[in-house]
């Protein structure tokens, strides 16, 4: 639960002291320190009780998987967690991950959305993708992350080029 606190302290303090349920640090150094004054901390996950409380307290950026409607609800919970500690939720950058699949017709996109479930954030025809990106923006997402693990360059390149040329 206090990993973010420990990491932040190690990155910013000369020495870190911490006493927790599972580990203890006594005058722990971390060298070399980062070049920049402060390393931004990204926390991923959507757990409403623990993770979003940790995000509210420590994160500079929050990253999560899911479709826009789901994330809009999660951002509402994050805003509540921020209110509880007196932080402005607007200080936290919000990013979402979603697999990208360009489809030629709506029936193909429906099948793929069913297959990917909550992780299939960017699946659809060109028009559907434009609408989905707008829905993410309206939900409060600042950045979309398109993971490309599991695809080779020959498969990935035409999908990204089509997305870049026709959607963005």
Protein backbone atom coordinates (compact mmCIF):
# COMPACT_ATOMS: atom_id res chain seq x y z
CA UNK A 1 0.00 0.00 0.00
CA UNK A 2 2.88 2.40 0.72
CA UNK A 3 5.10 1.49 -2.25
CA UNK A 4 4.38 4.83 -3.91
CA UNK A 5 5.38 6.68 -0.76
CA UNK A 6 8.62 4.69 -0.53
CA UNK A 7 9.47 5.17 -4.22
CA UNK A 8 8.78 8.91 -4.02
CA UNK A 9 10.96 9.22 -0.94
CA UNK A 10 13.81 7.20 -2.47
CA UNK A 11 13.74 9.39 -5.58
CA UNK A 12 13.65 12.71 -3.71
CA UNK A 13 15.34 12.24 -0.32
CA UNK A 14 18.96 11.75 0.61
CA UNK A 15 17.94 8.83 2.87
CA UNK A 16 14.61 7.06 3.34
CA UNK A 17 13.19 5.58 6.53
CA UNK A 18 10.04 3.49 6.39
CA UNK A 19 8.36 0.99 8.69
CA UNK A 20 5.61 -1.11 7.10
CA UNK A 21 3.86 -4.41 7.57
CA UNK A 22 6.08 -6.22 5.07
CA UNK A 23 9.38 -4.33 4.93
CA UNK A 24 11.46 -1.71 6.65
CA UNK A 25 13.96 0.81 5.33
CA UNK A 26 16.51 2.45 7.61
CA UNK A 27 18.54 5.30 6.14
CA UNK A 28 18.17 3.72 2.70
CA UNK A 29 19.96 5.60 -0.09
CA UNK A 30 19.11 5.53 -3.77
CA UNK A 31 21.86 6.60 -6.08
CA UNK A 32 22.25 7.88 -8.64
CA UNK A 33 19.32 10.24 -8.33
CA UNK A 34 17.33 11.12 -11.45
CA UNK A 35 18.66 13.92 -13.63
CA UNK A 36 15.44 15.91 -13.45
CA UNK A 37 14.35 17.49 -10.20
CA UNK A 38 11.30 15.26 -9.88
CA UNK A 39 10.42 12.01 -11.67
CA UNK A 40 6.70 11.87 -12.49
CA UNK A 41 4.96 8.86 -10.99
CA UNK A 42 2.46 6.89 -13.08
CA UNK A 43 0.17 4.43 -11.31
CA UNK A 44 -1.93 1.96 -13.26
CA UNK A 45 -5.10 0.15 -12.30
CA UNK A 46 -8.72 0.76 -11.61
CA UNK A 47 -9.40 -0.62 -8.12
CA UNK A 48 -11.70 1.88 -6.48
CA UNK A 49 -10.86 1.25 -2.83
CA UNK A 50 -7.07 0.98 -2.81
CA UNK A 51 -5.61 1.85 -6.20
CA UNK A 52 -7.56 5.04 -6.82
CA UNK A 53 -6.84 6.21 -3.26
CA UNK A 54 -3.13 5.67 -3.97
CA UNK A 55 -3.45 7.48 -7.31
CA UNK A 56 -5.15 10.43 -5.60
CA UNK A 57 -2.37 10.65 -3.02
CA UNK A 58 0.75 10.06 -5.09
CA UNK A 59 0.29 9.89 -8.87
CA UNK A 60 1.17 12.43 -11.50
CA UNK A 61 -0.47 10.19 -14.09
CA UNK A 62 -3.02 7.42 -13.89
CA UNK A 63 -3.26 4.69 -16.54
CA UNK A 64 -6.04 2.15 -16.96
CA UNK A 65 -7.72 -0.13 -19.51
CA UNK A 66 -11.34 0.21 -20.48
CA UNK A 67 -13.96 1.77 -22.72
CA UNK A 68 -14.91 5.44 -22.31
CA UNK A 69 -18.10 4.94 -20.27
CA UNK A 70 -16.26 2.69 -17.81
CA UNK A 71 -13.42 5.19 -17.46
CA UNK A 72 -15.76 8.13 -16.99
CA UNK A 73 -17.20 6.32 -13.96
CA UNK A 74 -13.67 5.54 -12.67
CA UNK A 75 -12.65 9.18 -13.08
CA UNK A 76 -15.66 10.10 -10.95
CA UNK A 77 -14.41 7.79 -8.22
CA UNK A 78 -10.89 9.21 -8.57
CA UNK A 79 -12.35 12.71 -8.16
CA UNK A 80 -14.02 11.57 -4.92
CA UNK A 81 -10.73 10.12 -3.66
CA UNK A 82 -8.99 13.40 -4.49
CA UNK A 83 -11.71 15.39 -2.68
CA UNK A 84 -11.16 13.23 0.41
CA UNK A 85 -7.56 14.44 0.68
CA UNK A 86 -8.02 17.95 -0.70
CA UNK A 87 -6.35 17.40 -4.08
CA UNK A 88 -7.60 18.67 -7.42
CA UNK A 89 -8.23 15.70 -9.72
CA UNK A 90 -7.17 17.96 -12.60
CA UNK A 91 -3.57 17.73 -11.37
CA UNK A 92 -3.50 14.07 -12.42
CA UNK A 93 -2.96 13.22 -16.08
CA UNK A 94 -5.30 10.42 -17.17
CA UNK A 95 -4.29 7.89 -19.80
CA UNK A 96 -6.04 4.82 -21.14
CA UNK A 97 -4.76 1.72 -22.90
CA UNK A 98 -6.70 0.12 -25.70
CA UNK A 99 -5.90 -2.34 -28.45
CA UNK A 100 -6.25 -0.85 -31.92
CA UNK A 101 -8.06 -2.76 -34.65
CA UNK A 102 -9.26 -1.06 -37.83
CA UNK A 103 -12.31 -2.75 -39.33
CA UNK A 104 -13.88 -2.43 -42.74
CA UNK A 105 -17.47 -2.87 -41.57
CA UNK A 106 -19.53 -2.57 -38.39
CA UNK A 107 -20.29 -6.31 -38.10
CA UNK A 108 -16.56 -7.07 -38.02
CA UNK A 109 -16.00 -4.37 -35.40
CA UNK A 110 -18.82 -5.74 -33.19
CA UNK A 111 -17.24 -9.21 -33.25
CA UNK A 112 -13.81 -7.84 -32.35
CA UNK A 113 -15.19 -5.63 -29.55
CA UNK A 114 -16.88 -8.71 -28.07
CA UNK A 115 -13.60 -10.63 -28.34
CA UNK A 116 -11.48 -7.95 -26.66
CA UNK A 117 -14.06 -7.01 -24.02
CA UNK A 118 -12.99 -4.25 -21.62
CA UNK A 119 -9.54 -4.07 -23.22
CA UNK A 120 -10.77 -3.43 -26.76
CA UNK A 121 -10.78 0.33 -26.52
CA UNK A 122 -10.02 1.27 -30.15
CA UNK A 123 -11.86 -1.22 -32.34
CA UNK A 124 -14.02 -0.19 -35.25
CA UNK A 125 -14.46 1.39 -38.63
CA UNK A 126 -12.83 4.72 -39.32
CA UNK A 127 -16.01 6.57 -38.29
CA UNK A 128 -16.40 4.42 -35.15
CA UNK A 129 -12.79 5.07 -34.16
CA UNK A 130 -13.28 8.83 -34.51
CA UNK A 131 -16.37 8.61 -32.28
CA UNK A 132 -14.53 6.46 -29.74
CA UNK A 133 -11.61 8.89 -29.52
CA UNK A 134 -14.07 11.72 -28.94
CA UNK A 135 -15.83 9.65 -26.25
CA UNK A 136 -12.48 9.11 -24.47
CA UNK A 137 -11.84 12.86 -24.60
CA UNK A 138 -15.31 13.62 -23.24
CA UNK A 139 -14.79 11.04 -20.47
CA UNK A 140 -11.71 12.97 -19.31
CA UNK A 141 -8.88 10.93 -20.81
CA UNK A 142 -5.83 13.04 -21.73
CA UNK A 143 -3.84 10.39 -23.60
CA UNK A 144 -4.51 7.10 -25.38
CA UNK A 145 -1.83 4.43 -25.26
CA UNK A 146 -1.97 1.82 -28.00
CA UNK A 147 0.04 -1.25 -26.97
CA UNK A 148 1.47 -3.25 -29.82
CA UNK A 149 2.72 -6.32 -28.02
CA UNK A 150 1.76 -9.54 -29.73
CA UNK A 151 1.95 -8.05 -33.23
CA UNK A 152 4.89 -8.02 -35.57
CA UNK A 153 6.02 -4.98 -37.51
CA UNK A 154 4.48 -6.17 -40.79
CA UNK A 155 1.06 -6.51 -39.12
CA UNK A 156 1.36 -3.41 -36.97
CA UNK A 157 2.61 -0.89 -39.54
CA UNK A 158 -0.40 -0.83 -41.91
CA UNK A 159 -2.83 -0.65 -38.98
CA UNK A 160 -1.00 2.32 -37.45
CA UNK A 161 -0.59 4.05 -40.82
CA UNK A 162 -4.30 3.72 -41.58
CA UNK A 163 -5.15 4.99 -38.11
CA UNK A 164 -2.79 7.94 -38.47
CA UNK A 165 -3.94 8.86 -42.00
CA UNK A 166 -7.68 8.22 -41.74
CA UNK A 167 -8.55 8.77 -38.08
CA UNK A 168 -6.11 11.26 -36.62
